[in-house]
């Protein structure tokens, strides 16, 4: 931007409007100070025209590698190698009367 005599983050706003892109000055500020997460092709084309550059000049790509948790193996409930304790259950039909246990 400095090569094009634009020293304030709001300087591109009128030039964007000339090209049919209407952005609030806050959004233009974010475009200038932070890497954009989403950028429309119209805005990108207008910025390239204003700054006389290519899209590759506007942003740089870098590879980010993250360590991803591996899924638990069969028989492992939480991935730590320990299966939860087994529980005894009694399956009853809806028509069976409830059983009373002696205390």
C-alpha atoms as a PDB file:
ATOM      1  CA  UNK A   1       0.000   0.000   0.000  1.00  0.00           C
ATOM      2  CA  UNK A   2       2.843   2.391   0.783  1.00  0.00           C
ATOM      3  CA  UNK A   3       4.158   1.978  -2.767  1.00  0.00           C
ATOM      4  CA  UNK A   4       0.779   3.343  -3.932  1.00  0.00           C
ATOM      5  CA  UNK A   5       0.842   6.285  -1.464  1.00  0.00           C
ATOM      6  CA  UNK A   6      -1.747   4.704   0.821  1.00  0.00           C
ATOM      7  CA  UNK A   7      -0.612   5.022   4.416  1.00  0.00           C
ATOM      8  CA  UNK A   8      -3.914   4.701   6.285  1.00  0.00           C
ATOM      9  CA  UNK A   9      -6.028   1.593   6.413  1.00  0.00           C
ATOM     10  CA  UNK A  10      -9.052   3.578   5.172  1.00  0.00           C
ATOM     11  CA  UNK A  11      -7.285   4.827   2.019  1.00  0.00           C
ATOM     12  CA  UNK A  12      -8.481   1.907  -0.182  1.00  0.00           C
ATOM     13  CA  UNK A  13     -12.175   2.448   0.694  1.00  0.00           C
ATOM     14  CA  UNK A  14     -12.974   5.029  -2.036  1.00  0.00           C
ATOM     15  CA  UNK A  15     -10.973   3.081  -4.610  1.00  0.00           C
ATOM     16  CA  UNK A  16     -12.872  -0.081  -3.729  1.00  0.00           C
ATOM     17  CA  UNK A  17     -16.174   1.803  -4.155  1.00  0.00           C
ATOM     18  CA  UNK A  18     -15.032   2.924  -7.640  1.00  0.00           C
ATOM     19  CA  UNK A  19     -14.709  -0.749  -8.517  1.00  0.00           C
ATOM     20  CA  UNK A  20     -18.133  -1.666  -7.104  1.00  0.00           C
ATOM     21  CA  UNK A  21     -16.949  -3.171  -3.811  1.00  0.00           C
ATOM     22  CA  UNK A  22     -18.664  -1.645  -0.779  1.00  0.00           C
ATOM     23  CA  UNK A  23     -16.985  -2.630   2.481  1.00  0.00           C
ATOM     24  CA  UNK A  24     -17.227  -0.918   5.864  1.00  0.00           C
ATOM     25  CA  UNK A  25     -14.007   0.750   6.949  1.00  0.00           C
ATOM     26  CA  UNK A  26     -13.732  -1.730   9.836  1.00  0.00           C
ATOM     27  CA  UNK A  27     -13.611  -4.622   7.391  1.00  0.00           C
ATOM     28  CA  UNK A  28     -11.006  -2.844   5.252  1.00  0.00           C
ATOM     29  CA  UNK A  29      -8.999  -2.318   8.454  1.00  0.00           C
ATOM     30  CA  UNK A  30      -9.165  -6.070   9.169  1.00  0.00           C
ATOM     31  CA  UNK A  31      -8.121  -6.864   5.592  1.00  0.00           C
ATOM     32  CA  UNK A  32      -5.075  -4.655   6.070  1.00  0.00           C
ATOM     33  CA  UNK A  33      -4.051  -5.763   9.544  1.00  0.00           C
ATOM     34  CA  UNK A  34      -5.007  -9.474   9.683  1.00  0.00           C
ATOM     35  CA  UNK A  35      -4.849 -12.368   7.266  1.00  0.00           C
ATOM     36  CA  UNK A  36      -8.354 -12.717   5.795  1.00  0.00           C
ATOM     37  CA  UNK A  37     -10.218 -15.934   6.510  1.00  0.00           C
ATOM     38  CA  UNK A  38     -12.644 -15.366   3.642  1.00  0.00           C
ATOM     39  CA  UNK A  39     -12.240 -13.008   0.729  1.00  0.00           C
ATOM     40  CA  UNK A  40     -14.624 -12.714  -2.191  1.00  0.00           C
ATOM     41  CA  UNK A  41     -13.189 -12.829  -5.686  1.00  0.00           C
ATOM     42  CA  UNK A  42     -14.642  -9.383  -6.407  1.00  0.00           C
ATOM     43  CA  UNK A  43     -12.806  -7.889  -3.429  1.00  0.00           C
ATOM     44  CA  UNK A  44      -9.610  -9.716  -4.315  1.00  0.00           C
ATOM     45  CA  UNK A  45      -9.785  -8.555  -7.938  1.00  0.00           C
ATOM     46  CA  UNK A  46     -10.432  -4.966  -6.825  1.00  0.00           C
ATOM     47  CA  UNK A  47      -7.484  -5.037  -4.410  1.00  0.00           C
ATOM     48  CA  UNK A  48      -5.236  -6.482  -7.107  1.00  0.00           C
ATOM     49  CA  UNK A  49      -6.311  -3.697  -9.462  1.00  0.00           C
ATOM     50  CA  UNK A  50      -5.804  -0.976  -6.840  1.00  0.00           C
ATOM     51  CA  UNK A  51      -2.405  -2.264  -5.733  1.00  0.00           C
ATOM     52  CA  UNK A  52      -1.333  -3.410  -9.224  1.00  0.00           C
ATOM     53  CA  UNK A  53      -0.360  -6.856  -7.985  1.00  0.00           C
ATOM     54  CA  UNK A  54      -1.326 -10.501  -8.335  1.00  0.00           C
ATOM     55  CA  UNK A  55      -3.352 -12.558  -5.834  1.00  0.00           C
ATOM     56  CA  UNK A  56      -0.138 -14.337  -4.827  1.00  0.00           C
ATOM     57  CA  UNK A  57       1.283 -10.959  -3.749  1.00  0.00           C
ATOM     58  CA  UNK A  58      -1.673 -10.348  -1.418  1.00  0.00           C
ATOM     59  CA  UNK A  59      -1.294 -13.458   0.706  1.00  0.00           C
ATOM     60  CA  UNK A  60       1.233 -16.135   1.454  1.00  0.00           C
ATOM     61  CA  UNK A  61       0.439 -19.779   1.988  1.00  0.00           C
ATOM     62  CA  UNK A  62       2.168 -21.933   4.539  1.00  0.00           C
ATOM     63  CA  UNK A  63       1.695 -25.516   5.541  1.00  0.00           C
ATOM     64  CA  UNK A  64       0.547 -26.112   9.094  1.00  0.00           C
ATOM     65  CA  UNK A  65       0.953 -29.584  10.497  1.00  0.00           C
ATOM     66  CA  UNK A  66      -1.042 -30.566  13.538  1.00  0.00           C
ATOM     67  CA  UNK A  67      -0.800 -33.727  15.507  1.00  0.00           C
ATOM     68  CA  UNK A  68      -4.113 -35.516  15.277  1.00  0.00           C
ATOM     69  CA  UNK A  69      -5.292 -37.932  17.942  1.00  0.00           C
ATOM     70  CA  UNK A  70      -5.430 -41.499  16.712  1.00  0.00           C
ATOM     71  CA  UNK A  71      -8.718 -43.376  17.061  1.00  0.00           C
ATOM     72  CA  UNK A  72      -8.863 -45.926  19.859  1.00  0.00           C
ATOM     73  CA  UNK A  73      -8.039 -49.501  18.922  1.00  0.00           C
ATOM     74  CA  UNK A  74     -10.750 -52.131  19.241  1.00  0.00           C
ATOM     75  CA  UNK A  75     -11.377 -53.035  22.858  1.00  0.00           C
ATOM     76  CA  UNK A  76     -10.016 -49.728  24.076  1.00  0.00           C
ATOM     77  CA  UNK A  77     -12.643 -47.290  25.221  1.00  0.00           C
ATOM     78  CA  UNK A  78     -10.638 -44.143  25.790  1.00  0.00           C
ATOM     79  CA  UNK A  79      -7.481 -44.747  23.785  1.00  0.00           C
ATOM     80  CA  UNK A  80      -5.412 -45.341  26.920  1.00  0.00           C
ATOM     81  CA  UNK A  81      -5.452 -49.127  26.598  1.00  0.00           C
ATOM     82  CA  UNK A  82      -7.971 -49.658  29.408  1.00  0.00           C
ATOM     83  CA  UNK A  83     -11.395 -51.055  28.647  1.00  0.00           C
ATOM     84  CA  UNK A  84     -14.282 -50.011  30.899  1.00  0.00           C
ATOM     85  CA  UNK A  85     -15.401 -52.647  33.418  1.00  0.00           C
ATOM     86  CA  UNK A  86     -18.135 -54.979  32.232  1.00  0.00           C
ATOM     87  CA  UNK A  87     -21.562 -54.583  33.824  1.00  0.00           C
ATOM     88  CA  UNK A  88     -24.139 -57.292  34.302  1.00  0.00           C
ATOM     89  CA  UNK A  89     -27.503 -56.331  32.965  1.00  0.00           C
ATOM     90  CA  UNK A  90     -30.844 -58.094  33.047  1.00  0.00           C
ATOM     91  CA  UNK A  91     -33.042 -57.662  30.006  1.00  0.00           C
ATOM     92  CA  UNK A  92     -36.750 -57.698  30.750  1.00  0.00           C
ATOM     93  CA  UNK A  93     -39.702 -57.573  28.479  1.00  0.00           C
ATOM     94  CA  UNK A  94     -42.227 -54.809  28.968  1.00  0.00           C
ATOM     95  CA  UNK A  95     -44.887 -57.366  29.940  1.00  0.00           C
ATOM     96  CA  UNK A  96     -42.781 -59.010  32.712  1.00  0.00           C
ATOM     97  CA  UNK A  97     -43.750 -57.972  36.232  1.00  0.00           C
ATOM     98  CA  UNK A  98     -41.035 -56.244  38.235  1.00  0.00           C
ATOM     99  CA  UNK A  99     -39.068 -58.535  40.512  1.00  0.00           C
ATOM    100  CA  UNK A 100     -38.625 -57.734  44.149  1.00  0.00           C
ATOM    101  CA  UNK A 101     -35.330 -58.401  45.808  1.00  0.00           C
ATOM    102  CA  UNK A 102     -35.101 -59.510  49.393  1.00  0.00           C
ATOM    103  CA  UNK A 103     -33.217 -57.038  51.505  1.00  0.00           C
END
